[in-house]
All heavy atoms as atom14 arrays in JSON, in Angstrom:
{
  "sequence": "LVIATGPRLAFEEVEGSGPDGHTQSICNIDHAEKAWERYQQILEKPG",
  "atom14_mask": [
    [1, 1, 1, 1, 1, 1, 1, 1, 0, 0, 0, 0, 0, 0],
    [1, 1, 1, 1, 1, 1, 1, 0, 0, 0, 0, 0, 0, 0],
    [1, 1, 1, 1, 1, 1, 1, 1, 0, 0, 0, 0, 0, 0],
    [1, 1, 1, 1, 1, 0, 0, 0, 0, 0, 0, 0, 0, 0],
    [1, 1, 1, 1, 1, 1, 1, 0, 0, 0, 0, 0, 0, 0],
    [1, 1, 1, 1, 0, 0, 0, 0, 0, 0, 0, 0, 0, 0],
    [1, 1, 1, 1, 1, 1, 1, 0, 0, 0, 0, 0, 0, 0],
    [1, 1, 1, 1, 1, 1, 1, 1, 1, 1, 1, 0, 0, 0],
    [1, 1, 1, 1, 1, 1, 1, 1, 0, 0, 0, 0, 0, 0],
    [1, 1, 1, 1, 1, 0, 0, 0, 0, 0, 0, 0, 0, 0],
    [1, 1, 1, 1, 1, 1, 1, 1, 1, 1, 1, 0, 0, 0],
    [1, 1, 1, 1, 1, 1, 1, 1, 1, 0, 0, 0, 0, 0],
    [1, 1, 1, 1, 1, 1, 1, 1, 1, 0, 0, 0, 0, 0],
    [1, 1, 1, 1, 1, 1, 1, 0, 0, 0, 0, 0, 0, 0],
    [1, 1, 1, 1, 1, 1, 1, 1, 1, 0, 0, 0, 0, 0],
    [1, 1, 1, 1, 0, 0, 0, 0, 0, 0, 0, 0, 0, 0],
    [1, 1, 1, 1, 1, 1, 0, 0, 0, 0, 0, 0, 0, 0],
    [1, 1, 1, 1, 0, 0, 0, 0, 0, 0, 0, 0, 0, 0],
    [1, 1, 1, 1, 1, 1, 1, 0, 0, 0, 0, 0, 0, 0],
    [1, 1, 1, 1, 1, 1, 1, 1, 0, 0, 0, 0, 0, 0],
    [1, 1, 1, 1, 0, 0, 0, 0, 0, 0, 0, 0, 0, 0],
    [1, 1, 1, 1, 1, 1, 1, 1, 1, 1, 0, 0, 0, 0],
    [1, 1, 1, 1, 1, 1, 1, 0, 0, 0, 0, 0, 0, 0],
    [1, 1, 1, 1, 1, 1, 1, 1, 1, 0, 0, 0, 0, 0],
    [1, 1, 1, 1, 1, 1, 0, 0, 0, 0, 0, 0, 0, 0],
    [1, 1, 1, 1, 1, 1, 1, 1, 0, 0, 0, 0, 0, 0],
    [1, 1, 1, 1, 1, 1, 0, 0, 0, 0, 0, 0, 0, 0],
    [1, 1, 1, 1, 1, 1, 1, 1, 0, 0, 0, 0, 0, 0],
    [1, 1, 1, 1, 1, 1, 1, 1, 0, 0, 0, 0, 0, 0],
    [1, 1, 1, 1, 1, 1, 1, 1, 0, 0, 0, 0, 0, 0],
    [1, 1, 1, 1, 1, 1, 1, 1, 1, 1, 0, 0, 0, 0],
    [1, 1, 1, 1, 1, 0, 0, 0, 0, 0, 0, 0, 0, 0],
    [1, 1, 1, 1, 1, 1, 1, 1, 1, 0, 0, 0, 0, 0],
    [1, 1, 1, 1, 1, 1, 1, 1, 1, 0, 0, 0, 0, 0],
    [1, 1, 1, 1, 1, 0, 0, 0, 0, 0, 0, 0, 0, 0],
    [1, 1, 1, 1, 1, 1, 1, 1, 1, 1, 1, 1, 1, 1],
    [1, 1, 1, 1, 1, 1, 1, 1, 1, 0, 0, 0, 0, 0],
    [1, 1, 1, 1, 1, 1, 1, 1, 1, 1, 1, 0, 0, 0],
    [1, 1, 1, 1, 1, 1, 1, 1, 1, 1, 1, 1, 0, 0],
    [1, 1, 1, 1, 1, 1, 1, 1, 1, 0, 0, 0, 0, 0],
    [1, 1, 1, 1, 1, 1, 1, 1, 1, 0, 0, 0, 0, 0],
    [1, 1, 1, 1, 1, 1, 1, 1, 0, 0, 0, 0, 0, 0],
    [1, 1, 1, 1, 1, 1, 1, 1, 0, 0, 0, 0, 0, 0],
    [1, 1, 1, 1, 1, 1, 1, 1, 1, 0, 0, 0, 0, 0],
    [1, 1, 1, 1, 1, 1, 1, 1, 1, 0, 0, 0, 0, 0],
    [1, 1, 1, 1, 1, 1, 1, 0, 0, 0, 0, 0, 0, 0],
    [1, 1, 1, 1, 0, 0, 0, 0, 0, 0, 0, 0, 0, 0]
  ],
  "atom14_positions": [
    [[318.65, 276.79, 114.41], [319.42, 275.68, 114.98], [319.53, 274.57, 113.94], [318.52, 274.16, 113.35], [318.74, 275.15, 116.24], [319.38, 273.93, 116.91], [320.77, 274.27, 117.45], [318.49, 273.4, 118.04], [0.0, 0.0, 0.0], [0.0, 0.0, 0.0], [0.0, 0.0, 0.0], [0.0, 0.0, 0.0], [0.0, 0.0, 0.0], [0.0, 0.0, 0.0]],
    [[320.76, 274.09, 113.73], [321.0, 272.94, 112.86], [321.48, 271.79, 113.73], [322.54, 271.88, 114.37], [322.05, 273.25, 111.77], [322.26, 272.02, 110.89], [321.62, 274.45, 110.93], [0.0, 0.0, 0.0], [0.0, 0.0, 0.0], [0.0, 0.0, 0.0], [0.0, 0.0, 0.0], [0.0, 0.0, 0.0], [0.0, 0.0, 0.0], [0.0, 0.0, 0.0]],
    [[320.73, 270.71, 113.77], [321.08, 269.55, 114.58], [321.83, 268.56, 113.7], [321.28, 268.02, 112.74], [319.83, 268.9, 115.2], [319.13, 269.9, 116.13], [320.21, 267.64, 115.97], [317.79, 269.41, 116.65], [0.0, 0.0, 0.0], [0.0, 0.0, 0.0], [0.0, 0.0, 0.0], [0.0, 0.0, 0.0], [0.0, 0.0, 0.0], [0.0, 0.0, 0.0]],
    [[323.1, 268.34, 114.03], [323.96, 267.42, 113.27], [324.8, 266.61, 114.25], [326.02, 266.48, 114.11], [324.84, 268.2, 112.29], [0.0, 0.0, 0.0], [0.0, 0.0, 0.0], [0.0, 0.0, 0.0], [0.0, 0.0, 0.0], [0.0, 0.0, 0.0], [0.0, 0.0, 0.0], [0.0, 0.0, 0.0], [0.0, 0.0, 0.0], [0.0, 0.0, 0.0]],
    [[324.14, 266.06, 115.24], [324.82, 265.42, 116.36], [325.35, 264.03, 116.04], [326.19, 263.51, 116.78], [323.86, 265.27, 117.55], [322.73, 264.48, 117.12], [323.39, 266.63, 118.04], [0.0, 0.0, 0.0], [0.0, 0.0, 0.0], [0.0, 0.0, 0.0], [0.0, 0.0, 0.0], [0.0, 0.0, 0.0], [0.0, 0.0, 0.0], [0.0, 0.0, 0.0]],
    [[324.86, 263.42, 114.96], [325.12, 262.0, 114.82], [324.24, 261.22, 115.79], [323.35, 261.78, 116.45], [0.0, 0.0, 0.0], [0.0, 0.0, 0.0], [0.0, 0.0, 0.0], [0.0, 0.0, 0.0], [0.0, 0.0, 0.0], [0.0, 0.0, 0.0], [0.0, 0.0, 0.0], [0.0, 0.0, 0.0], [0.0, 0.0, 0.0], [0.0, 0.0, 0.0]],
    [[324.45, 259.91, 115.94], [323.57, 259.11, 116.78], [324.08, 258.94, 118.2], [325.24, 259.2, 118.5], [323.61, 257.75, 116.07], [325.04, 257.67, 115.59], [325.44, 259.09, 115.2], [0.0, 0.0, 0.0], [0.0, 0.0, 0.0], [0.0, 0.0, 0.0], [0.0, 0.0, 0.0], [0.0, 0.0, 0.0], [0.0, 0.0, 0.0], [0.0, 0.0, 0.0]],
    [[323.2, 258.49, 119.06], [323.6, 257.93, 120.35], [323.72, 256.43, 120.16], [322.87, 255.79, 119.55], [322.55, 258.25, 121.43], [322.96, 257.7, 122.81], [321.99, 258.14, 123.88], [320.7, 257.48, 123.8], [320.44, 256.27, 124.29], [321.37, 255.55, 124.87], [319.23, 255.77, 124.16], [0.0, 0.0, 0.0], [0.0, 0.0, 0.0], [0.0, 0.0, 0.0]],
    [[324.79, 255.86, 120.67], [325.03, 254.43, 120.54], [324.3, 253.7, 121.66], [324.68, 253.78, 122.82], [326.53, 254.14, 120.58], [327.37, 254.95, 119.57], [328.87, 254.68, 119.77], [326.96, 254.65, 118.14], [0.0, 0.0, 0.0], [0.0, 0.0, 0.0], [0.0, 0.0, 0.0], [0.0, 0.0, 0.0], [0.0, 0.0, 0.0], [0.0, 0.0, 0.0]],
    [[323.24, 253.0, 121.3], [322.33, 252.42, 122.29], [322.76, 251.01, 122.69], [322.05, 250.02, 122.45], [320.9, 252.44, 121.76], [0.0, 0.0, 0.0], [0.0, 0.0, 0.0], [0.0, 0.0, 0.0], [0.0, 0.0, 0.0], [0.0, 0.0, 0.0], [0.0, 0.0, 0.0], [0.0, 0.0, 0.0], [0.0, 0.0, 0.0], [0.0, 0.0, 0.0]],
    [[323.9, 250.89, 123.32], [324.39, 249.58, 123.76], [323.44, 248.93, 124.77], [323.38, 247.71, 124.88], [325.79, 249.71, 124.38], [326.85, 250.13, 123.4], [327.43, 251.39, 123.49], [327.27, 249.27, 122.4], [328.41, 251.78, 122.59], [328.25, 249.66, 121.5], [328.82, 250.91, 121.6], [0.0, 0.0, 0.0], [0.0, 0.0, 0.0], [0.0, 0.0, 0.0]],
    [[322.69, 249.76, 125.49], [321.81, 249.23, 126.53], [320.7, 248.33, 125.95], [320.06, 247.58, 126.7], [321.19, 250.37, 127.34], [320.06, 251.14, 126.66], [320.53, 252.2, 125.67], [321.77, 252.38, 125.53], [319.68, 252.86, 125.05], [0.0, 0.0, 0.0], [0.0, 0.0, 0.0], [0.0, 0.0, 0.0], [0.0, 0.0, 0.0], [0.0, 0.0, 0.0]],
    [[320.47, 248.4, 124.65], [319.4, 247.59, 124.07], [319.77, 246.11, 123.96], [318.9, 245.27, 123.73], [318.99, 248.16, 122.7], [318.38, 249.55, 122.81], [317.62, 250.0, 121.6], [317.73, 249.34, 120.54], [316.89, 251.0, 121.69], [0.0, 0.0, 0.0], [0.0, 0.0, 0.0], [0.0, 0.0, 0.0], [0.0, 0.0, 0.0], [0.0, 0.0, 0.0]],
    [[321.05, 245.8, 124.07], [321.49, 244.4, 124.11], [322.36, 244.22, 125.35], [323.47, 244.77, 125.43], [322.28, 244.0, 122.84], [322.8, 242.56, 122.97], [321.39, 244.12, 121.61], [0.0, 0.0, 0.0], [0.0, 0.0, 0.0], [0.0, 0.0, 0.0], [0.0, 0.0, 0.0], [0.0, 0.0, 0.0], [0.0, 0.0, 0.0], [0.0, 0.0, 0.0]],
    [[321.86, 243.49, 126.3], [322.56, 243.29, 127.57], [323.97, 242.74, 127.34], [324.18, 241.79, 126.59], [321.77, 242.31, 128.43], [322.39, 242.02, 129.8], [321.64, 240.95, 130.56], [320.56, 240.53, 130.09], [322.15, 240.51, 131.62], [0.0, 0.0, 0.0], [0.0, 0.0, 0.0], [0.0, 0.0, 0.0], [0.0, 0.0, 0.0], [0.0, 0.0, 0.0]],
    [[324.93, 243.39, 128.0], [326.31, 242.92, 127.95], [327.11, 243.41, 126.76], [328.28, 243.04, 126.6], [0.0, 0.0, 0.0], [0.0, 0.0, 0.0], [0.0, 0.0, 0.0], [0.0, 0.0, 0.0], [0.0, 0.0, 0.0], [0.0, 0.0, 0.0], [0.0, 0.0, 0.0], [0.0, 0.0, 0.0], [0.0, 0.0, 0.0], [0.0, 0.0, 0.0]],
    [[326.51, 244.25, 125.92], [327.23, 244.72, 124.73], [327.94, 246.03, 125.0], [327.66, 246.73, 125.97], [326.26, 244.88, 123.56], [325.37, 245.97, 123.76], [0.0, 0.0, 0.0], [0.0, 0.0, 0.0], [0.0, 0.0, 0.0], [0.0, 0.0, 0.0], [0.0, 0.0, 0.0], [0.0, 0.0, 0.0], [0.0, 0.0, 0.0], [0.0, 0.0, 0.0]],
    [[328.86, 246.36, 124.11], [329.57, 247.63, 124.17], [330.92, 247.54, 124.83], [331.24, 246.55, 125.52], [0.0, 0.0, 0.0], [0.0, 0.0, 0.0], [0.0, 0.0, 0.0], [0.0, 0.0, 0.0], [0.0, 0.0, 0.0], [0.0, 0.0, 0.0], [0.0, 0.0, 0.0], [0.0, 0.0, 0.0], [0.0, 0.0, 0.0], [0.0, 0.0, 0.0]],
    [[331.75, 248.57, 124.66], [333.1, 248.58, 125.25], [333.12, 248.46, 126.76], [334.14, 248.06, 127.33], [333.65, 249.94, 124.78], [332.89, 250.27, 123.55], [331.51, 249.73, 123.78], [0.0, 0.0, 0.0], [0.0, 0.0, 0.0], [0.0, 0.0, 0.0], [0.0, 0.0, 0.0], [0.0, 0.0, 0.0], [0.0, 0.0, 0.0], [0.0, 0.0, 0.0]],
    [[332.03, 248.84, 127.42], [331.94, 248.65, 128.88], [331.38, 247.28, 129.23], [331.26, 246.93, 130.4], [331.07, 249.75, 129.5], [331.72, 251.12, 129.4], [332.96, 251.2, 129.39], [330.96, 252.13, 129.3], [0.0, 0.0, 0.0], [0.0, 0.0, 0.0], [0.0, 0.0, 0.0], [0.0, 0.0, 0.0], [0.0, 0.0, 0.0], [0.0, 0.0, 0.0]],
    [[331.02, 246.51, 128.2], [330.56, 245.15, 128.38], [331.55, 244.18, 127.76], [332.73, 244.18, 128.11], [0.0, 0.0, 0.0], [0.0, 0.0, 0.0], [0.0, 0.0, 0.0], [0.0, 0.0, 0.0], [0.0, 0.0, 0.0], [0.0, 0.0, 0.0], [0.0, 0.0, 0.0], [0.0, 0.0, 0.0], [0.0, 0.0, 0.0], [0.0, 0.0, 0.0]],
    [[331.06, 243.39, 126.78], [331.89, 242.33, 126.24], [332.12, 242.43, 124.73], [332.73, 241.53, 124.15], [331.25, 240.98, 126.57], [330.97, 240.78, 128.03], [331.97, 240.68, 128.98], [329.8, 240.71, 128.71], [331.43, 240.54, 130.17], [330.11, 240.55, 130.04], [0.0, 0.0, 0.0], [0.0, 0.0, 0.0], [0.0, 0.0, 0.0], [0.0, 0.0, 0.0]],
    [[331.64, 243.5, 124.1], [331.88, 243.67, 122.67], [332.6, 244.99, 122.39], [332.51, 245.93, 123.18], [330.57, 243.64, 121.85], [329.74, 244.76, 122.21], [329.81, 242.34, 122.08], [0.0, 0.0, 0.0], [0.0, 0.0, 0.0], [0.0, 0.0, 0.0], [0.0, 0.0, 0.0], [0.0, 0.0, 0.0], [0.0, 0.0, 0.0], [0.0, 0.0, 0.0]],
    [[333.27, 245.03, 121.27], [333.96, 246.23, 120.84], [333.09, 247.03, 119.86], [332.08, 246.54, 119.34], [335.29, 245.88, 120.18], [336.2, 245.01, 121.03], [336.57, 245.66, 122.34], [336.82, 246.86, 122.42], [336.59, 244.86, 123.42], [0.0, 0.0, 0.0], [0.0, 0.0, 0.0], [0.0, 0.0, 0.0], [0.0, 0.0, 0.0], [0.0, 0.0, 0.0]],
    [[333.51, 248.26, 119.62], [332.83, 249.15, 118.69], [333.88, 249.94, 117.92], [334.99, 250.17, 118.42], [331.9, 250.11, 119.44], [331.56, 251.26, 118.68], [0.0, 0.0, 0.0], [0.0, 0.0, 0.0], [0.0, 0.0, 0.0], [0.0, 0.0, 0.0], [0.0, 0.0, 0.0], [0.0, 0.0, 0.0], [0.0, 0.0, 0.0], [0.0, 0.0, 0.0]],
    [[333.53, 250.37, 116.71], [334.42, 251.25, 115.94], [333.68, 252.52, 115.55], [334.02, 253.18, 114.58], [334.97, 250.54, 114.68], [333.84, 249.92, 113.86], [336.0, 249.47, 115.07], [334.28, 249.37, 112.51], [0.0, 0.0, 0.0], [0.0, 0.0, 0.0], [0.0, 0.0, 0.0], [0.0, 0.0, 0.0], [0.0, 0.0, 0.0], [0.0, 0.0, 0.0]],
    [[332.67, 252.89, 116.34], [331.82, 254.02, 116.0], [332.44, 255.37, 116.35], [332.0, 256.4, 115.85], [330.46, 253.87, 116.66], [329.5, 252.45, 116.06], [0.0, 0.0, 0.0], [0.0, 0.0, 0.0], [0.0, 0.0, 0.0], [0.0, 0.0, 0.0], [0.0, 0.0, 0.0], [0.0, 0.0, 0.0], [0.0, 0.0, 0.0], [0.0, 0.0, 0.0]],
    [[333.41, 255.4, 117.24], [334.15, 256.63, 117.5], [335.59, 256.28, 117.81], [335.95, 255.1, 117.98], [333.5, 257.48, 118.61], [333.45, 256.78, 119.96], [334.42, 256.17, 120.41], [332.31, 256.88, 120.64], [0.0, 0.0, 0.0], [0.0, 0.0, 0.0], [0.0, 0.0, 0.0], [0.0, 0.0, 0.0], [0.0, 0.0, 0.0], [0.0, 0.0, 0.0]],
    [[336.44, 257.28, 117.89], [337.87, 257.05, 118.03], [338.2, 256.39, 119.37], [339.08, 255.52, 119.44], [338.67, 258.37, 117.86], [340.18, 258.13, 117.95], [338.22, 259.43, 118.85], [340.74, 257.28, 116.84], [0.0, 0.0, 0.0], [0.0, 0.0, 0.0], [0.0, 0.0, 0.0], [0.0, 0.0, 0.0], [0.0, 0.0, 0.0], [0.0, 0.0, 0.0]],
    [[337.49, 256.75, 120.45], [337.75, 256.13, 121.74], [337.47, 254.63, 121.69], [338.26, 253.82, 122.19], [336.9, 256.78, 122.83], [337.29, 258.22, 123.1], [338.46, 258.59, 122.83], [336.44, 258.99, 123.59], [0.0, 0.0, 0.0], [0.0, 0.0, 0.0], [0.0, 0.0, 0.0], [0.0, 0.0, 0.0], [0.0, 0.0, 0.0], [0.0, 0.0, 0.0]],
    [[336.36, 254.27, 121.08], [336.01, 252.86, 120.96], [336.98, 252.12, 120.05], [337.35, 250.96, 120.33], [334.58, 252.72, 120.42], [333.54, 253.18, 121.38], [332.2, 253.26, 121.03], [333.62, 253.57, 122.68], [331.53, 253.7, 122.08], [332.35, 253.9, 123.08], [0.0, 0.0, 0.0], [0.0, 0.0, 0.0], [0.0, 0.0, 0.0], [0.0, 0.0, 0.0]],
    [[337.39, 252.76, 118.97], [338.34, 252.12, 118.06], [339.67, 251.84, 118.74], [340.3, 250.8, 118.51], [338.54, 252.98, 116.81], [0.0, 0.0, 0.0], [0.0, 0.0, 0.0], [0.0, 0.0, 0.0], [0.0, 0.0, 0.0], [0.0, 0.0, 0.0], [0.0, 0.0, 0.0], [0.0, 0.0, 0.0], [0.0, 0.0, 0.0], [0.0, 0.0, 0.0]],
    [[340.1, 252.76, 119.6], [341.35, 252.54, 120.35], [341.19, 251.37, 121.32], [342.13, 250.58, 121.5], [341.75, 253.81, 121.09], [342.28, 254.91, 120.17], [342.77, 256.12, 120.92], [342.17, 256.47, 121.97], [343.75, 256.74, 120.49], [0.0, 0.0, 0.0], [0.0, 0.0, 0.0], [0.0, 0.0, 0.0], [0.0, 0.0, 0.0], [0.0, 0.0, 0.0]],
    [[340.03, 251.26, 121.96], [339.77, 250.11, 122.84], [339.79, 248.8, 122.05], [340.29, 247.78, 122.51], [338.44, 250.28, 123.57], [338.48, 251.11, 124.81], [337.22, 250.93, 125.64], [337.34, 251.53, 126.99], [336.16, 251.28, 127.86], [0.0, 0.0, 0.0], [0.0, 0.0, 0.0], [0.0, 0.0, 0.0], [0.0, 0.0, 0.0], [0.0, 0.0, 0.0]],
    [[339.21, 248.85, 120.84], [339.21, 247.66, 119.99], [340.63, 247.26, 119.61], [340.96, 246.07, 119.55], [338.37, 247.92, 118.74], [0.0, 0.0, 0.0], [0.0, 0.0, 0.0], [0.0, 0.0, 0.0], [0.0, 0.0, 0.0], [0.0, 0.0, 0.0], [0.0, 0.0, 0.0], [0.0, 0.0, 0.0], [0.0, 0.0, 0.0], [0.0, 0.0, 0.0]],
    [[341.48, 248.25, 119.36], [342.88, 247.98, 119.04], [343.58, 247.32, 120.23], [344.38, 246.39, 120.06], [343.58, 249.27, 118.63], [345.07, 249.27, 118.54], [345.92, 250.18, 119.08], [345.92, 248.34, 117.86], [347.23, 249.9, 118.78], [347.26, 248.75, 118.03], [345.68, 247.17, 117.12], [348.35, 248.07, 117.5], [346.78, 246.49, 116.59], [348.08, 246.93, 116.78]],
    [[343.28, 247.77, 121.44], [343.85, 247.14, 122.63], [343.45, 245.67, 122.7], [344.28, 244.79, 122.98], [343.39, 247.88, 123.89], [343.96, 249.27, 124.04], [343.38, 250.02, 125.22], [342.6, 249.38, 126.0], [343.68, 251.22, 125.39], [0.0, 0.0, 0.0], [0.0, 0.0, 0.0], [0.0, 0.0, 0.0], [0.0, 0.0, 0.0], [0.0, 0.0, 0.0]],
    [[342.17, 245.4, 122.46], [341.7, 244.02, 122.5], [342.3, 243.18, 121.37], [342.66, 242.02, 121.57], [340.17, 243.99, 122.41], [339.56, 242.59, 122.48], [339.93, 241.9, 123.77], [339.51, 240.5, 123.77], [340.16, 239.55, 124.43], [341.27, 239.85, 125.12], [339.72, 238.31, 124.4], [0.0, 0.0, 0.0], [0.0, 0.0, 0.0], [0.0, 0.0, 0.0]],
    [[342.41, 243.79, 120.2], [342.99, 243.09, 119.05], [344.43, 242.67, 119.33], [344.84, 241.56, 118.98], [342.91, 243.98, 117.81], [343.33, 243.31, 116.52], [342.59, 242.26, 115.99], [344.45, 243.74, 115.82], [342.97, 241.65, 114.8], [344.84, 243.15, 114.63], [344.09, 242.1, 114.13], [344.47, 241.5, 112.95], [0.0, 0.0, 0.0], [0.0, 0.0, 0.0]],
    [[345.2, 243.54, 119.95], [346.57, 243.19, 120.29], [346.63, 242.0, 121.24], [347.53, 241.16, 121.16], [347.28, 244.4, 120.91], [347.52, 245.54, 119.92], [348.15, 246.74, 120.59], [349.38, 246.86, 120.7], [347.32, 247.67, 121.04], [0.0, 0.0, 0.0], [0.0, 0.0, 0.0], [0.0, 0.0, 0.0], [0.0, 0.0, 0.0], [0.0, 0.0, 0.0]],
    [[345.64, 241.91, 122.14], [345.6, 240.78, 123.06], [345.35, 239.46, 122.34], [346.0, 238.46, 122.63], [344.52, 241.02, 124.12], [344.84, 242.17, 125.08], [343.65, 242.51, 125.97], [342.57, 241.91, 125.89], [343.85, 243.51, 126.83], [0.0, 0.0, 0.0], [0.0, 0.0, 0.0], [0.0, 0.0, 0.0], [0.0, 0.0, 0.0], [0.0, 0.0, 0.0]],
    [[344.43, 239.47, 121.37], [344.16, 238.2, 120.69], [345.25, 237.85, 119.69], [345.35, 236.69, 119.28], [342.77, 238.18, 120.02], [342.72, 239.1, 118.81], [341.67, 238.5, 121.02], [341.51, 238.81, 117.93], [0.0, 0.0, 0.0], [0.0, 0.0, 0.0], [0.0, 0.0, 0.0], [0.0, 0.0, 0.0], [0.0, 0.0, 0.0], [0.0, 0.0, 0.0]],
    [[346.06, 238.83, 119.3], [347.22, 238.49, 118.47], [348.2, 237.62, 119.25], [348.92, 236.81, 118.66], [347.92, 239.76, 117.97], [347.17, 240.59, 116.92], [347.95, 241.87, 116.6], [346.91, 239.79, 115.65], [0.0, 0.0, 0.0], [0.0, 0.0, 0.0], [0.0, 0.0, 0.0], [0.0, 0.0, 0.0], [0.0, 0.0, 0.0], [0.0, 0.0, 0.0]],
    [[348.21, 237.8, 120.55], [349.07, 237.0, 121.4], [348.46, 235.64, 121.71], [349.16, 234.67, 121.96], [349.36, 237.75, 122.72], [350.09, 239.07, 122.54], [351.48, 238.9, 121.98], [352.15, 237.89, 122.36], [351.91, 239.75, 121.17], [0.0, 0.0, 0.0], [0.0, 0.0, 0.0], [0.0, 0.0, 0.0], [0.0, 0.0, 0.0], [0.0, 0.0, 0.0]],
    [[347.13, 235.59, 121.72], [346.44, 234.35, 122.06], [345.29, 234.16, 121.06], [344.2, 234.68, 121.26], [345.9, 234.41, 123.49], [345.29, 233.1, 123.97], [344.76, 233.24, 125.38], [344.1, 231.93, 125.84], [343.52, 232.06, 127.2], [0.0, 0.0, 0.0], [0.0, 0.0, 0.0], [0.0, 0.0, 0.0], [0.0, 0.0, 0.0], [0.0, 0.0, 0.0]],
    [[345.49, 233.42, 119.97], [344.49, 233.28, 118.91], [343.18, 232.67, 119.4], [343.15, 231.88, 120.36], [345.18, 232.35, 117.91], [346.64, 232.5, 118.17], [346.75, 232.72, 119.65], [0.0, 0.0, 0.0], [0.0, 0.0, 0.0], [0.0, 0.0, 0.0], [0.0, 0.0, 0.0], [0.0, 0.0, 0.0], [0.0, 0.0, 0.0], [0.0, 0.0, 0.0]],
    [[342.1, 233.05, 118.73], [340.79, 232.52, 119.02], [339.77, 233.05, 118.04], [340.07, 233.88, 117.17], [0.0, 0.0, 0.0], [0.0, 0.0, 0.0], [0.0, 0.0, 0.0], [0.0, 0.0, 0.0], [0.0, 0.0, 0.0], [0.0, 0.0, 0.0], [0.0, 0.0, 0.0], [0.0, 0.0, 0.0], [0.0, 0.0, 0.0], [0.0, 0.0, 0.0]]
  ]
}
């Protein structure tokens, strides 16, 4: 057996973090797409 899984993203270690919380991630394609959605929103409303 060769284990080459990559990591588990432990968002639970910081309360409120992660794409299901209040921060974005670019660690996988699903998260990067969510970040792009958020980025488009702030392009409309700077901050």
